[in-house]
PDB file of N, CA and C in Angstrom:
ATOM      1  N   UNK A   1      -3.460 -60.199  66.754  1.00  0.00           N
ATOM      2  CA  UNK A   1      -3.531 -58.973  65.971  1.00  0.00           C
ATOM      3  C   UNK A   1      -4.297 -59.305  64.689  1.00  0.00           C
ATOM      4  N   UNK A   2      -5.055 -58.366  64.219  1.00  0.00           N
ATOM      5  CA  UNK A   2      -5.905 -58.568  63.014  1.00  0.00           C
ATOM      6  C   UNK A   2      -5.640 -57.458  62.074  1.00  0.00           C
ATOM      7  N   UNK A   3      -6.009 -57.760  60.797  1.00  0.00           N
ATOM      8  CA  UNK A   3      -5.851 -56.824  59.712  1.00  0.00           C
ATOM      9  C   UNK A   3      -6.722 -57.187  58.541  1.00  0.00           C
ATOM     10  N   UNK A   4      -6.556 -56.435  57.428  1.00  0.00           N
ATOM     11  CA  UNK A   4      -7.287 -56.648  56.218  1.00  0.00           C
ATOM     12  C   UNK A   4      -6.352 -56.848  55.093  1.00  0.00           C
ATOM     13  N   UNK A   5      -6.585 -57.858  54.284  1.00  0.00           N
ATOM     14  CA  UNK A   5      -5.749 -58.171  53.098  1.00  0.00           C
ATOM     15  C   UNK A   5      -5.878 -57.025  52.122  1.00  0.00           C
ATOM     16  N   UNK A   6      -4.649 -56.453  51.685  1.00  0.00           N
ATOM     17  CA  UNK A   6      -4.616 -55.380  50.747  1.00  0.00           C
ATOM     18  C   UNK A   6      -4.045 -55.890  49.425  1.00  0.00           C
ATOM     19  N   UNK A   7      -3.206 -56.963  49.415  1.00  0.00           N
ATOM     20  CA  UNK A   7      -2.634 -57.498  48.264  1.00  0.00           C
ATOM     21  C   UNK A   7      -2.407 -59.018  48.491  1.00  0.00           C
ATOM     22  N   UNK A   8      -2.671 -59.833  47.471  1.00  0.00           N
ATOM     23  CA  UNK A   8      -2.346 -61.231  47.568  1.00  0.00           C
ATOM     24  C   UNK A   8      -2.047 -61.791  46.180  1.00  0.00           C
ATOM     25  N   UNK A   9      -0.905 -62.448  45.982  1.00  0.00           N
ATOM     26  CA  UNK A   9      -0.554 -63.160  44.784  1.00  0.00           C
ATOM     27  C   UNK A   9      -0.718 -64.601  44.923  1.00  0.00           C
ATOM     28  N   UNK A  10      -1.664 -65.236  44.303  1.00  0.00           N
ATOM     29  CA  UNK A  10      -1.886 -66.697  44.465  1.00  0.00           C
ATOM     30  C   UNK A  10      -0.738 -67.511  43.905  1.00  0.00           C
ATOM     31  N   UNK A  11       0.000 -67.034  42.946  1.00  0.00           N
ATOM     32  CA  UNK A  11       1.075 -67.815  42.370  1.00  0.00           C
ATOM     33  C   UNK A  11       2.292 -67.886  43.319  1.00  0.00           C
ATOM     34  N   UNK A  12       2.644 -66.756  43.946  1.00  0.00           N
ATOM     35  CA  UNK A  12       3.756 -66.747  44.887  1.00  0.00           C
ATOM     36  C   UNK A  12       3.281 -66.958  46.302  1.00  0.00           C
ATOM     37  N   UNK A  13       2.024 -66.888  46.546  1.00  0.00           N
ATOM     38  CA  UNK A  13       1.327 -66.992  47.888  1.00  0.00           C
ATOM     39  C   UNK A  13       1.967 -66.056  48.877  1.00  0.00           C
ATOM     40  N   UNK A  14       2.247 -64.882  48.483  1.00  0.00           N
ATOM     41  CA  UNK A  14       2.705 -63.760  49.272  1.00  0.00           C
ATOM     42  C   UNK A  14       1.770 -62.624  49.220  1.00  0.00           C
ATOM     43  N   UNK A  15       1.832 -61.670  50.158  1.00  0.00           N
ATOM     44  CA  UNK A  15       0.933 -60.543  50.087  1.00  0.00           C
ATOM     45  C   UNK A  15       1.160 -59.544  51.159  1.00  0.00           C
ATOM     46  N   UNK A  16       0.283 -58.627  51.313  1.00  0.00           N
ATOM     47  CA  UNK A  16       0.340 -57.611  52.358  1.00  0.00           C
ATOM     48  C   UNK A  16      -1.066 -57.339  52.897  1.00  0.00           C
ATOM     49  N   UNK A  17      -1.055 -56.716  54.027  1.00  0.00           N
ATOM     50  CA  UNK A  17      -2.322 -56.386  54.738  1.00  0.00           C
ATOM     51  C   UNK A  17      -2.175 -55.046  55.456  1.00  0.00           C
ATOM     52  N   UNK A  18      -3.260 -54.477  55.847  1.00  0.00           N
ATOM     53  CA  UNK A  18      -3.261 -53.310  56.702  1.00  0.00           C
ATOM     54  C   UNK A  18      -3.797 -53.676  58.057  1.00  0.00           C
ATOM     55  N   UNK A  19      -3.032 -53.421  59.131  1.00  0.00           N
ATOM     56  CA  UNK A  19      -3.471 -53.616  60.473  1.00  0.00           C
ATOM     57  C   UNK A  19      -4.590 -52.575  60.762  1.00  0.00           C
ATOM     58  N   UNK A  20      -5.332 -52.780  61.837  1.00  0.00           N
ATOM     59  CA  UNK A  20      -6.439 -51.919  62.180  1.00  0.00           C
ATOM     60  C   UNK A  20      -5.917 -50.535  62.326  1.00  0.00           C
ATOM     61  N   UNK A  21      -4.793 -50.295  62.778  1.00  0.00           N
ATOM     62  CA  UNK A  21      -4.243 -48.953  62.904  1.00  0.00           C
ATOM     63  C   UNK A  21      -3.679 -48.327  61.668  1.00  0.00           C
ATOM     64  N   UNK A  22      -3.842 -49.060  60.556  1.00  0.00           N
ATOM     65  CA  UNK A  22      -3.310 -48.574  59.241  1.00  0.00           C
ATOM     66  C   UNK A  22      -1.847 -48.910  58.921  1.00  0.00           C
ATOM     67  N   UNK A  23      -1.197 -49.643  59.763  1.00  0.00           N
ATOM     68  CA  UNK A  23       0.207 -50.053  59.514  1.00  0.00           C
ATOM     69  C   UNK A  23       0.266 -51.152  58.476  1.00  0.00           C
ATOM     70  N   UNK A  24       1.008 -50.985  57.413  1.00  0.00           N
ATOM     71  CA  UNK A  24       1.099 -52.061  56.378  1.00  0.00           C
ATOM     72  C   UNK A  24       2.120 -53.190  56.940  1.00  0.00           C
ATOM     73  N   UNK A  25       1.695 -54.391  56.575  1.00  0.00           N
ATOM     74  CA  UNK A  25       2.469 -55.579  57.008  1.00  0.00           C
ATOM     75  C   UNK A  25       2.562 -56.566  55.788  1.00  0.00           C
ATOM     76  N   UNK A  26       3.695 -57.048  55.516  1.00  0.00           N
ATOM     77  CA  UNK A  26       3.826 -58.077  54.367  1.00  0.00           C
ATOM     78  C   UNK A  26       3.998 -59.407  55.061  1.00  0.00           C
ATOM     79  N   UNK A  27       3.626 -60.471  54.283  1.00  0.00           N
ATOM     80  CA  UNK A  27       3.836 -61.807  54.690  1.00  0.00           C
ATOM     81  C   UNK A  27       4.387 -62.607  53.574  1.00  0.00           C
ATOM     82  N   UNK A  28       5.123 -63.646  53.919  1.00  0.00           N
ATOM     83  CA  UNK A  28       5.735 -64.453  52.946  1.00  0.00           C
ATOM     84  C   UNK A  28       4.923 -65.787  52.745  1.00  0.00           C
ATOM     85  N   UNK A  29       5.504 -66.533  51.834  1.00  0.00           N
ATOM     86  CA  UNK A  29       4.919 -67.865  51.461  1.00  0.00           C
ATOM     87  C   UNK A  29       4.788 -68.836  52.646  1.00  0.00           C
ATOM     88  N   UNK A  30       5.775 -68.863  53.459  1.00  0.00           N
ATOM     89  CA  UNK A  30       5.677 -69.819  54.597  1.00  0.00           C
ATOM     90  C   UNK A  30       4.598 -69.465  55.607  1.00  0.00           C
ATOM     91  N   UNK A  31       4.279 -68.167  55.801  1.00  0.00           N
ATOM     92  CA  UNK A  31       3.128 -67.814  56.677  1.00  0.00           C
ATOM     93  C   UNK A  31       1.800 -68.182  56.076  1.00  0.00           C
ATOM     94  N   UNK A  32       1.684 -68.118  54.756  1.00  0.00           N
ATOM     95  CA  UNK A  32       0.488 -68.527  54.130  1.00  0.00           C
ATOM     96  C   UNK A  32       0.351 -70.054  54.159  1.00  0.00           C
ATOM     97  N   UNK A  33       1.472 -70.716  53.730  1.00  0.00           N
ATOM     98  CA  UNK A  33       1.424 -72.182  53.616  1.00  0.00           C
ATOM     99  C   UNK A  33       1.046 -72.851  54.975  1.00  0.00           C
ATOM    100  N   UNK A  34       1.545 -72.357  56.073  1.00  0.00           N
ATOM    101  CA  UNK A  34       1.195 -72.980  57.375  1.00  0.00           C
ATOM    102  C   UNK A  34      -0.164 -72.778  57.788  1.00  0.00           C
ATOM    103  N   UNK A  35      -0.875 -71.817  57.137  1.00  0.00           N
ATOM    104  CA  UNK A  35      -2.226 -71.481  57.491  1.00  0.00           C
ATOM    105  C   UNK A  35      -3.250 -72.582  57.080  1.00  0.00           C
ATOM    106  N   UNK A  36      -2.936 -73.342  56.035  1.00  0.00           N
ATOM    107  CA  UNK A  36      -3.880 -74.290  55.515  1.00  0.00           C
ATOM    108  C   UNK A  36      -4.908 -73.708  54.606  1.00  0.00           C
ATOM    109  N   UNK A  37      -4.825 -72.448  54.343  1.00  0.00           N
ATOM    110  CA  UNK A  37      -5.766 -71.744  53.466  1.00  0.00           C
ATOM    111  C   UNK A  37      -5.417 -71.995  52.016  1.00  0.00           C
ATOM    112  N   UNK A  38      -6.397 -71.848  51.106  1.00  0.00           N
ATOM    113  CA  UNK A  38      -6.199 -71.993  49.702  1.00  0.00           C
ATOM    114  C   UNK A  38      -5.967 -70.697  48.993  1.00  0.00           C
ATOM    115  N   UNK A  39      -6.641 -69.653  49.526  1.00  0.00           N
ATOM    116  CA  UNK A  39      -6.717 -68.367  48.772  1.00  0.00           C
ATOM    117  C   UNK A  39      -7.145 -67.286  49.799  1.00  0.00           C
ATOM    118  N   UNK A  40      -6.652 -66.078  49.538  1.00  0.00           N
ATOM    119  CA  UNK A  40      -7.121 -64.881  50.276  1.00  0.00           C
ATOM    120  C   UNK A  40      -7.665 -63.928  49.225  1.00  0.00           C
ATOM    121  N   UNK A  41      -8.659 -63.144  49.668  1.00  0.00           N
ATOM    122  CA  UNK A  41      -9.294 -62.164  48.769  1.00  0.00           C
ATOM    123  C   UNK A  41      -8.973 -60.793  49.339  1.00  0.00           C
ATOM    124  N   UNK A  42      -8.974 -59.807  48.504  1.00  0.00           N
ATOM    125  CA  UNK A  42      -8.824 -58.389  48.898  1.00  0.00           C
ATOM    126  C   UNK A  42      -9.882 -58.056  49.845  1.00  0.00           C
ATOM    127  N   UNK A  43      -9.582 -57.355  50.981  1.00  0.00           N
ATOM    128  CA  UNK A  43     -10.612 -56.925  51.941  1.00  0.00           C
ATOM    129  C   UNK A  43     -10.919 -57.967  52.982  1.00  0.00           C
ATOM    130  N   UNK A  44     -10.369 -59.183  52.912  1.00  0.00           N
ATOM    131  CA  UNK A  44     -10.666 -60.255  53.852  1.00  0.00           C
ATOM    132  C   UNK A  44     -10.015 -59.993  55.194  1.00  0.00           C
ATOM    133  N   UNK A  45     -10.666 -60.274  56.297  1.00  0.00           N
ATOM    134  CA  UNK A  45     -10.088 -60.029  57.593  1.00  0.00           C
ATOM    135  C   UNK A  45      -9.336 -61.260  58.003  1.00  0.00           C
ATOM    136  N   UNK A  46      -8.101 -61.074  58.539  1.00  0.00           N
ATOM    137  CA  UNK A  46      -7.278 -62.144  58.996  1.00  0.00           C
ATOM    138  C   UNK A  46      -6.632 -61.859  60.316  1.00  0.00           C
ATOM    139  N   UNK A  47      -6.204 -62.907  61.031  1.00  0.00           N
ATOM    140  CA  UNK A  47      -5.435 -62.813  62.289  1.00  0.00           C
ATOM    141  C   UNK A  47      -4.005 -63.189  61.970  1.00  0.00           C
ATOM    142  N   UNK A  48      -3.104 -62.506  62.700  1.00  0.00           N
ATOM    143  CA  UNK A  48      -1.674 -62.723  62.506  1.00  0.00           C
ATOM    144  C   UNK A  48      -1.032 -63.288  63.701  1.00  0.00           C
ATOM    145  N   UNK A  49      -0.031 -64.121  63.459  1.00  0.00           N
ATOM    146  CA  UNK A  49       0.807 -64.621  64.603  1.00  0.00           C
ATOM    147  C   UNK A  49       2.257 -64.287  64.260  1.00  0.00           C
ATOM    148  N   UNK A  50       2.972 -63.641  65.101  1.00  0.00           N
ATOM    149  CA  UNK A  50       4.307 -63.240  64.817  1.00  0.00           C
ATOM    150  C   UNK A  50       5.263 -64.212  65.504  1.00  0.00           C
ATOM    151  N   UNK A  51       6.425 -64.407  64.852  1.00  0.00           N
ATOM    152  CA  UNK A  51       7.485 -65.276  65.361  1.00  0.00           C
ATOM    153  C   UNK A  51       8.421 -64.398  66.239  1.00  0.00           C
ATOM    154  N   UNK A  52       9.344 -65.010  66.881  1.00  0.00           N
ATOM    155  CA  UNK A  52      10.305 -64.288  67.772  1.00  0.00           C
ATOM    156  C   UNK A  52      11.212 -63.333  66.951  1.00  0.00           C
ATOM    157  N   UNK A  53      11.291 -63.538  65.658  1.00  0.00           N
ATOM    158  CA  UNK A  53      12.104 -62.597  64.800  1.00  0.00           C
ATOM    159  C   UNK A  53      11.345 -61.406  64.392  1.00  0.00           C
ATOM    160  N   UNK A  54      10.017 -61.366  64.742  1.00  0.00           N
ATOM    161  CA  UNK A  54       9.163 -60.239  64.346  1.00  0.00           C
ATOM    162  C   UNK A  54       8.485 -60.294  63.063  1.00  0.00           C
ATOM    163  N   UNK A  55       8.778 -61.410  62.340  1.00  0.00           N
ATOM    164  CA  UNK A  55       8.036 -61.646  61.049  1.00  0.00           C
ATOM    165  C   UNK A  55       6.723 -62.428  61.348  1.00  0.00           C
ATOM    166  N   UNK A  56       5.802 -62.264  60.374  1.00  0.00           N
ATOM    167  CA  UNK A  56       4.591 -62.992  60.385  1.00  0.00           C
ATOM    168  C   UNK A  56       4.894 -64.468  60.143  1.00  0.00           C
ATOM    169  N   UNK A  57       4.414 -65.311  61.130  1.00  0.00           N
ATOM    170  CA  UNK A  57       4.614 -66.772  61.081  1.00  0.00           C
ATOM    171  C   UNK A  57       3.448 -67.427  60.532  1.00  0.00           C
ATOM    172  N   UNK A  58       2.184 -66.834  60.794  1.00  0.00           N
ATOM    173  CA  UNK A  58       0.997 -67.546  60.410  1.00  0.00           C
ATOM    174  C   UNK A  58      -0.099 -66.590  60.181  1.00  0.00           C
ATOM    175  N   UNK A  59      -0.919 -66.833  59.189  1.00  0.00           N
ATOM    176  CA  UNK A  59      -2.122 -66.040  58.926  1.00  0.00           C
ATOM    177  C   UNK A  59      -3.374 -66.986  59.060  1.00  0.00           C
ATOM    178  N   UNK A  60      -4.392 -66.531  59.753  1.00  0.00           N
ATOM    179  CA  UNK A  60      -5.600 -67.346  59.851  1.00  0.00           C
ATOM    180  C   UNK A  60      -6.821 -66.517  59.769  1.00  0.00           C
ATOM    181  N   UNK A  61      -7.966 -67.138  59.575  1.00  0.00           N
ATOM    182  CA  UNK A  61      -9.282 -66.488  59.490  1.00  0.00           C
ATOM    183  C   UNK A  61      -9.780 -66.362  60.899  1.00  0.00           C
ATOM    184  N   UNK A  62     -10.131 -65.171  61.371  1.00  0.00           N
ATOM    185  CA  UNK A  62     -10.552 -65.010  62.749  1.00  0.00           C
ATOM    186  C   UNK A  62     -11.921 -65.760  62.807  1.00  0.00           C
ATOM    187  N   UNK A  63     -12.164 -66.354  63.929  1.00  0.00           N
ATOM    188  CA  UNK A  63     -13.464 -67.019  64.217  1.00  0.00           C
ATOM    189  C   UNK A  63     -14.209 -66.334  65.363  1.00  0.00           C
ATOM    190  N   UNK A  64     -15.441 -66.550  65.448  1.00  0.00           N
ATOM    191  CA  UNK A  64     -16.247 -65.875  66.431  1.00  0.00           C
ATOM    192  C   UNK A  64     -16.340 -66.818  67.676  1.00  0.00           C
TER     193      UNK A  64
END
């Protein structure tokens, strides 16, 4: 699943995004930390991986 970053706090490493259908999704520090990314910018496209509990487990940059 993919979406677009709508908020990101570099200090807490948490944020939110909008899925392609407009649904807002939040992600926590753990999902960002496991990504290996250093920063996210507003409007950036990302891919999401969900865990069995339905929370976002990982955020990554989509590749072609």
